[in-house]
Amino acid sequence: MNRARVGLIAAVVLAAAGTGTGLALAAAGGGSPAPAPATASQPVGAATPSGIPGTDTAGGPGYSWYRSAMGRYYGRYFGPGMMGGSPYGWMMGQGGFRWMLGGTVAPGWERGGSLPGFMMGGADPGTVMGRLFADAPGPRVSAAQAARLGAQAPADAQVDRAARAITFTTRTVRLVVLASPSMPAENFRIAGTTNPAITVPAGAQVTMELINADADMAHGLVITAAGAARSQMPMMTAAPAFPGAALWLLGQPTAAGMHAATLSFTASAPGSYQYLCPVPGHAEEGMAGSFAVTGPA
């Protein structure tokens, strides 16, 4: 997709490859829609599968934010007092909340459903969701921090940038993943490489911290079955390979910074898998890489 980039992304595109240890993202921002950018020493806390705090339950801060965001969206199209009587009034309630964000399963619109026509206007669903969730609560990082983190080699890993491969032999695996930092290409940047092949030992505790570096598009990250990237709707063909191995979407950056969130899982079964962006069409366009789990279970 050919989309204009903004200055916020420039530092990521121009970042020089480097090495470092540890991770340095923002602490979870509670229910605030625009937390202050992170400092370099703050670790990211665990996030719900959507990347928005409280989206696993209808009583969390994510649900309150969702109702507010959807109310503003509806107001533009239906006017005051009309949202409850519209054909899409269900989207304001708990059912719409779970359908839109998914919780522990892929959102309905990613599983082959479609976003309501009034939301689309001929746009890519990733563009619609990127804009809708731009002000969602949660951790943020600056463009400079994202550039640095996306170039760092993870601790306890062998990084072969020429072969685009990252191999872990330890049972603790920590990675920072930049989503779509080099548009117009759709891809992931990890340790200064594009869509590297990742290998971990069976039983490894894996933490992947995703930063959405795309100026006008939502992105996510899921570990799933090998070959799923060939589908326009990956979540119709394969579920997450391990419990916790999915982060459905992060909104586009704002002046507050780039959205960041964490997925954590145990690589319990040896085999060949893929990591990919579950937003429809993105894996087909190149947002995918191999993920291998080696050794005995």
Protein backbone atom coordinates (compact mmCIF):
# COMPACT_ATOMS: atom_id res chain seq x y z
CA MET A 1 0.00 0.00 0.00
CA ASN A 2 1.36 3.44 -0.87
CA ARG A 3 0.70 5.67 2.10
CA ALA A 4 2.38 8.95 3.00
CA ARG A 5 4.68 8.68 5.98
CA VAL A 6 5.04 11.30 8.67
CA GLY A 7 8.05 12.64 10.52
CA LEU A 8 7.24 10.46 13.50
CA ILE A 9 8.38 7.42 11.52
CA ALA A 10 11.50 8.92 9.97
CA ALA A 11 13.75 8.08 12.91
CA VAL A 12 12.71 4.44 12.70
CA VAL A 13 13.48 4.19 8.99
CA LEU A 14 16.88 5.83 9.41
CA ALA A 15 17.91 3.93 12.55
CA ALA A 16 21.34 2.36 12.38
CA ALA A 17 21.72 -1.29 13.37
CA GLY A 18 23.14 -1.78 16.84
CA THR A 19 23.33 -4.16 19.77
CA GLY A 20 22.16 -3.99 23.34
CA THR A 21 20.60 -5.97 26.14
CA GLY A 22 17.26 -5.91 27.82
CA LEU A 23 14.06 -4.20 26.79
CA ALA A 24 13.07 -0.61 27.36
CA LEU A 25 9.44 0.19 26.77
CA ALA A 26 6.70 1.99 28.66
CA ALA A 27 4.91 0.90 31.80
CA ALA A 28 1.21 0.18 31.29
CA GLY A 29 -0.72 3.40 31.26
CA GLY A 30 -3.91 2.43 33.12
CA GLY A 31 -7.00 4.04 31.67
CA SER A 32 -5.43 7.26 30.42
CA PRO A 33 -5.99 7.80 26.69
CA ALA A 34 -2.65 9.57 26.25
CA PRO A 35 0.04 8.39 28.71
CA ALA A 36 3.34 10.23 28.77
CA PRO A 37 6.05 8.72 26.52
CA ALA A 38 8.22 6.11 28.21
CA THR A 39 11.68 6.59 29.62
CA ALA A 40 14.41 4.26 28.45
CA SER A 41 14.45 2.30 31.72
CA GLN A 42 10.79 1.35 32.03
CA PRO A 43 9.72 -2.21 31.10
CA VAL A 44 6.40 -2.89 29.46
CA GLY A 45 3.85 -4.71 31.57
CA ALA A 46 1.67 -7.50 30.24
CA ALA A 47 -1.23 -6.42 28.08
CA THR A 48 -4.50 -8.05 27.08
CA PRO A 49 -4.68 -9.74 23.66
CA SER A 50 -5.88 -6.60 21.92
CA GLY A 51 -3.13 -4.49 23.47
CA ILE A 52 -5.69 -2.32 25.30
CA PRO A 53 -5.87 -2.65 29.12
CA GLY A 54 -9.11 -4.13 30.35
CA THR A 55 -10.39 -5.53 27.06
CA ASP A 56 -10.79 -9.06 28.39
CA THR A 57 -13.61 -7.88 30.65
CA ALA A 58 -16.49 -5.51 30.09
CA GLY A 59 -15.77 -3.82 33.42
CA GLY A 60 -12.17 -2.81 32.71
CA PRO A 61 -10.87 0.62 31.65
CA GLY A 62 -10.66 -0.58 28.05
CA TYR A 63 -14.44 -1.00 27.89
CA SER A 64 -15.06 2.51 29.16
CA TRP A 65 -12.66 3.89 26.60
CA TYR A 66 -14.25 1.78 23.84
CA ARG A 67 -17.75 3.11 24.55
CA SER A 68 -16.43 6.65 24.49
CA ALA A 69 -14.55 6.11 21.21
CA MET A 70 -17.44 4.36 19.51
CA GLY A 71 -19.85 7.03 20.73
CA ARG A 72 -17.77 9.70 19.02
CA TYR A 73 -17.61 7.62 15.86
CA TYR A 74 -21.35 7.02 15.82
CA GLY A 75 -22.03 10.67 16.48
CA ARG A 76 -20.36 11.63 13.21
CA TYR A 77 -22.65 9.37 11.21
CA PHE A 78 -25.94 9.16 13.06
CA GLY A 79 -26.22 12.29 15.17
CA PRO A 80 -27.06 12.65 18.88
CA GLY A 81 -29.53 10.15 20.27
CA MET A 82 -29.58 7.93 17.20
CA MET A 83 -26.88 5.38 17.99
CA GLY A 84 -29.19 3.10 19.94
CA GLY A 85 -31.65 2.93 17.07
CA SER A 86 -29.12 2.43 14.31
CA PRO A 87 -28.58 -0.98 12.70
CA TYR A 88 -25.21 -1.07 14.48
CA GLY A 89 -26.38 -0.06 17.95
CA TRP A 90 -25.16 -3.46 19.25
CA MET A 91 -21.58 -2.26 18.75
CA MET A 92 -21.96 0.06 21.75
CA GLY A 93 -22.58 -2.87 24.10
CA GLN A 94 -20.57 -5.79 25.44
CA GLY A 95 -21.29 -7.93 22.39
CA GLY A 96 -19.87 -5.32 20.02
CA PHE A 97 -16.93 -4.75 22.35
CA ARG A 98 -15.97 -8.43 22.27
CA TRP A 99 -16.60 -8.70 18.51
CA MET A 100 -14.41 -5.69 17.80
CA LEU A 101 -11.50 -6.56 20.15
CA GLY A 102 -11.70 -10.30 20.52
CA GLY A 103 -10.41 -10.83 24.06
CA THR A 104 -9.02 -14.36 24.13
CA VAL A 105 -10.12 -15.09 20.54
CA ALA A 106 -9.55 -13.24 17.28
CA PRO A 107 -11.91 -10.29 16.73
CA GLY A 108 -14.94 -11.11 14.60
CA TRP A 109 -13.85 -8.79 11.80
CA GLU A 110 -10.51 -10.64 11.58
CA ARG A 111 -12.16 -14.06 11.41
CA GLY A 112 -13.86 -13.35 8.11
CA GLY A 113 -16.51 -10.94 9.28
CA SER A 114 -16.45 -7.41 7.96
CA LEU A 115 -16.53 -4.01 9.55
CA PRO A 116 -19.88 -2.23 9.14
CA GLY A 117 -20.18 -0.33 5.88
CA PHE A 118 -20.59 3.03 7.58
CA MET A 119 -17.15 2.56 9.16
CA MET A 120 -15.38 1.53 5.99
CA GLY A 121 -16.09 4.15 3.33
CA GLY A 122 -14.01 2.11 0.89
CA ALA A 123 -10.99 2.07 3.23
CA ASP A 124 -8.74 -0.82 4.21
CA PRO A 125 -9.90 -2.32 7.55
CA GLY A 126 -6.41 -1.73 8.95
CA THR A 127 -6.76 1.97 8.17
CA VAL A 128 -10.15 2.15 9.86
CA MET A 129 -8.95 0.33 12.99
CA GLY A 130 -5.69 2.26 13.11
CA ARG A 131 -7.59 5.53 13.22
CA LEU A 132 -10.31 4.28 15.58
CA PHE A 133 -7.81 2.99 18.16
CA ALA A 134 -5.23 5.73 17.79
CA ASP A 135 -6.12 7.20 21.21
CA ALA A 136 -6.57 3.90 23.03
CA PRO A 137 -5.09 3.65 26.53
CA GLY A 138 -1.85 1.75 27.00
CA PRO A 139 1.93 2.08 26.80
CA ARG A 140 3.60 4.47 24.33
CA VAL A 141 7.17 4.94 23.10
CA SER A 142 8.79 7.71 21.10
CA ALA A 143 10.05 7.28 17.54
CA ALA A 144 13.64 7.52 18.77
CA GLN A 145 13.06 4.80 21.38
CA ALA A 146 11.39 2.58 18.79
CA ALA A 147 14.31 3.02 16.40
CA ARG A 148 16.81 2.06 19.09
CA LEU A 149 14.82 -0.93 20.31
CA GLY A 150 14.16 -2.22 16.82
CA ALA A 151 17.90 -2.29 16.12
CA GLN A 152 18.96 -4.00 19.36
CA ALA A 153 20.15 -7.58 19.32
CA PRO A 154 18.30 -9.50 22.05
CA ALA A 155 20.28 -10.85 24.97
CA ASP A 156 21.30 -14.53 24.86
CA ALA A 157 20.63 -14.90 21.14
CA GLN A 158 22.71 -15.44 18.04
CA VAL A 159 21.78 -12.86 15.40
CA ASP A 160 22.81 -13.46 11.81
CA ARG A 161 21.67 -10.35 9.97
CA ALA A 162 23.00 -11.55 6.62
CA ALA A 163 20.90 -14.72 6.86
CA ARG A 164 18.06 -12.84 8.60
CA ALA A 165 17.99 -15.36 11.45
CA ILE A 166 17.76 -15.09 15.24
CA THR A 167 18.48 -18.23 17.29
CA PHE A 168 17.93 -18.69 21.02
CA THR A 169 19.29 -21.58 23.06
CA THR A 170 18.09 -20.35 26.45
CA ARG A 171 14.67 -20.88 28.01
CA THR A 172 14.06 -17.14 28.33
CA VAL A 173 13.33 -15.36 25.06
CA ARG A 174 12.71 -11.61 24.86
CA LEU A 175 12.24 -9.71 21.61
CA VAL A 176 11.17 -6.24 20.48
CA VAL A 177 9.18 -6.20 17.23
CA LEU A 178 8.48 -3.07 15.16
CA ALA A 179 5.39 -3.34 12.98
CA SER A 180 5.68 -1.79 9.52
CA PRO A 181 8.48 0.73 10.16
CA SER A 182 9.61 0.95 6.52
CA MET A 183 6.54 1.74 4.46
CA PRO A 184 5.44 1.35 1.72
CA ALA A 185 6.65 -2.17 2.58
CA GLU A 186 4.52 -4.16 5.03
CA ASN A 187 6.90 -6.03 7.31
CA PHE A 188 8.32 -6.54 10.80
CA ARG A 189 11.69 -5.24 12.03
CA ILE A 190 13.43 -7.30 14.72
CA ALA A 191 17.06 -6.80 15.82
CA GLY A 192 17.76 -4.67 12.77
CA THR A 193 16.49 -7.31 10.33
CA THR A 194 13.32 -7.66 8.27
CA ASN A 195 11.05 -10.62 9.03
CA PRO A 196 13.89 -12.76 10.45
CA ALA A 197 13.53 -16.49 11.00
CA ILE A 198 13.24 -17.00 14.79
CA THR A 199 14.26 -20.25 16.49
CA VAL A 200 13.66 -21.03 20.17
CA PRO A 201 14.02 -24.21 22.26
CA ALA A 202 10.95 -26.15 23.31
CA GLY A 203 9.66 -24.99 26.66
CA ALA A 204 11.03 -21.46 26.25
CA GLN A 205 9.17 -18.61 27.94
CA VAL A 206 8.73 -16.11 25.12
CA THR A 207 7.99 -12.40 25.53
CA MET A 208 7.48 -10.33 22.37
CA GLU A 209 6.96 -6.60 22.75
CA LEU A 210 5.24 -5.11 19.72
CA ILE A 211 5.47 -1.44 18.69
CA ASN A 212 3.21 -0.15 15.91
CA ALA A 213 5.45 2.14 13.86
CA ASP A 214 2.95 2.58 11.00
CA ALA A 215 1.67 6.15 10.71
CA ASP A 216 -1.85 5.30 9.52
CA MET A 217 -2.59 1.62 10.01
CA ALA A 218 -3.40 -0.87 12.78
CA HIS A 219 -1.16 -3.92 13.16
CA GLY A 220 -0.96 -6.95 15.43
CA LEU A 221 1.17 -10.04 16.00
CA VAL A 222 0.19 -13.71 16.23
CA ILE A 223 2.19 -16.95 16.36
CA THR A 224 0.24 -19.47 14.29
CA ALA A 225 0.50 -22.46 11.96
CA ALA A 226 3.05 -22.46 9.16
CA GLY A 227 1.50 -21.43 5.86
CA ALA A 228 -1.25 -19.28 7.39
CA ALA A 229 0.23 -16.13 5.82
CA ARG A 230 -1.01 -17.29 2.42
CA SER A 231 -4.56 -16.58 3.54
CA GLN A 232 -6.03 -13.09 3.32
CA MET A 233 -7.83 -13.88 6.57
CA PRO A 234 -5.19 -15.80 8.56
CA MET A 235 -7.41 -16.24 11.59
CA MET A 236 -9.89 -18.24 9.49
CA THR A 237 -7.24 -20.86 8.79
CA ALA A 238 -5.26 -21.06 12.03
CA ALA A 239 -5.66 -20.06 15.66
CA PRO A 240 -2.73 -18.94 17.88
CA ALA A 241 -0.29 -21.82 18.23
CA PHE A 242 0.11 -21.34 22.00
CA PRO A 243 -2.07 -19.79 24.71
CA GLY A 244 -1.16 -16.11 24.92
CA ALA A 245 0.57 -16.04 21.52
CA ALA A 246 -1.65 -13.32 20.04
CA LEU A 247 -1.87 -9.53 20.21
CA TRP A 248 -4.71 -8.61 17.88
CA LEU A 249 -4.19 -4.95 17.13
CA LEU A 250 -2.52 -1.68 18.08
CA GLY A 251 -3.74 1.68 16.80
CA GLN A 252 -1.66 4.10 14.76
CA PRO A 253 0.79 6.51 16.48
CA THR A 254 -0.22 9.94 17.71
CA ALA A 255 1.68 12.89 19.17
CA ALA A 256 1.78 10.89 22.42
CA GLY A 257 3.95 8.25 20.75
CA MET A 258 3.71 4.79 19.22
CA HIS A 259 1.48 2.15 20.80
CA ALA A 260 3.31 -0.75 22.45
CA ALA A 261 2.06 -3.95 24.07
CA THR A 262 3.34 -7.35 25.15
CA LEU A 263 2.42 -10.93 24.38
CA SER A 264 3.85 -13.77 26.48
CA PHE A 265 3.57 -17.52 25.99
CA THR A 266 5.35 -20.84 26.45
CA ALA A 267 6.69 -22.45 23.26
CA SER A 268 5.53 -25.84 24.48
CA ALA A 269 5.42 -27.93 21.29
CA PRO A 270 8.30 -28.41 18.83
CA GLY A 271 7.43 -27.62 15.25
CA SER A 272 7.41 -25.06 12.46
CA TYR A 273 5.19 -22.02 12.88
CA GLN A 274 4.85 -18.46 11.62
CA TYR A 275 4.52 -15.06 13.20
CA LEU A 276 2.32 -12.67 11.25
CA CYS A 277 0.07 -9.64 11.38
CA PRO A 278 -3.55 -10.85 11.64
CA VAL A 279 -5.12 -7.70 10.14
CA PRO A 280 -6.73 -8.87 6.86
CA GLY A 281 -4.35 -8.74 3.92
CA HIS A 282 -1.23 -7.72 5.84
CA ALA A 283 0.41 -11.16 6.05
CA GLU A 284 -0.11 -11.61 2.31
CA GLU A 285 1.69 -8.32 1.74
CA GLY A 286 4.77 -9.43 3.66
CA MET A 287 4.08 -9.09 7.39
CA ALA A 288 5.15 -12.63 8.27
CA GLY A 289 8.21 -14.65 9.24
CA SER A 290 9.06 -18.18 10.36
CA PHE A 291 9.06 -19.24 14.01
CA ALA A 292 10.61 -22.63 14.82
CA VAL A 293 10.50 -24.50 18.14
CA THR A 294 13.26 -27.11 18.40
CA GLY A 295 14.15 -29.98 20.73
CA PRO A 296 12.08 -32.38 22.80
CA ALA A 297 8.80 -31.21 24.28
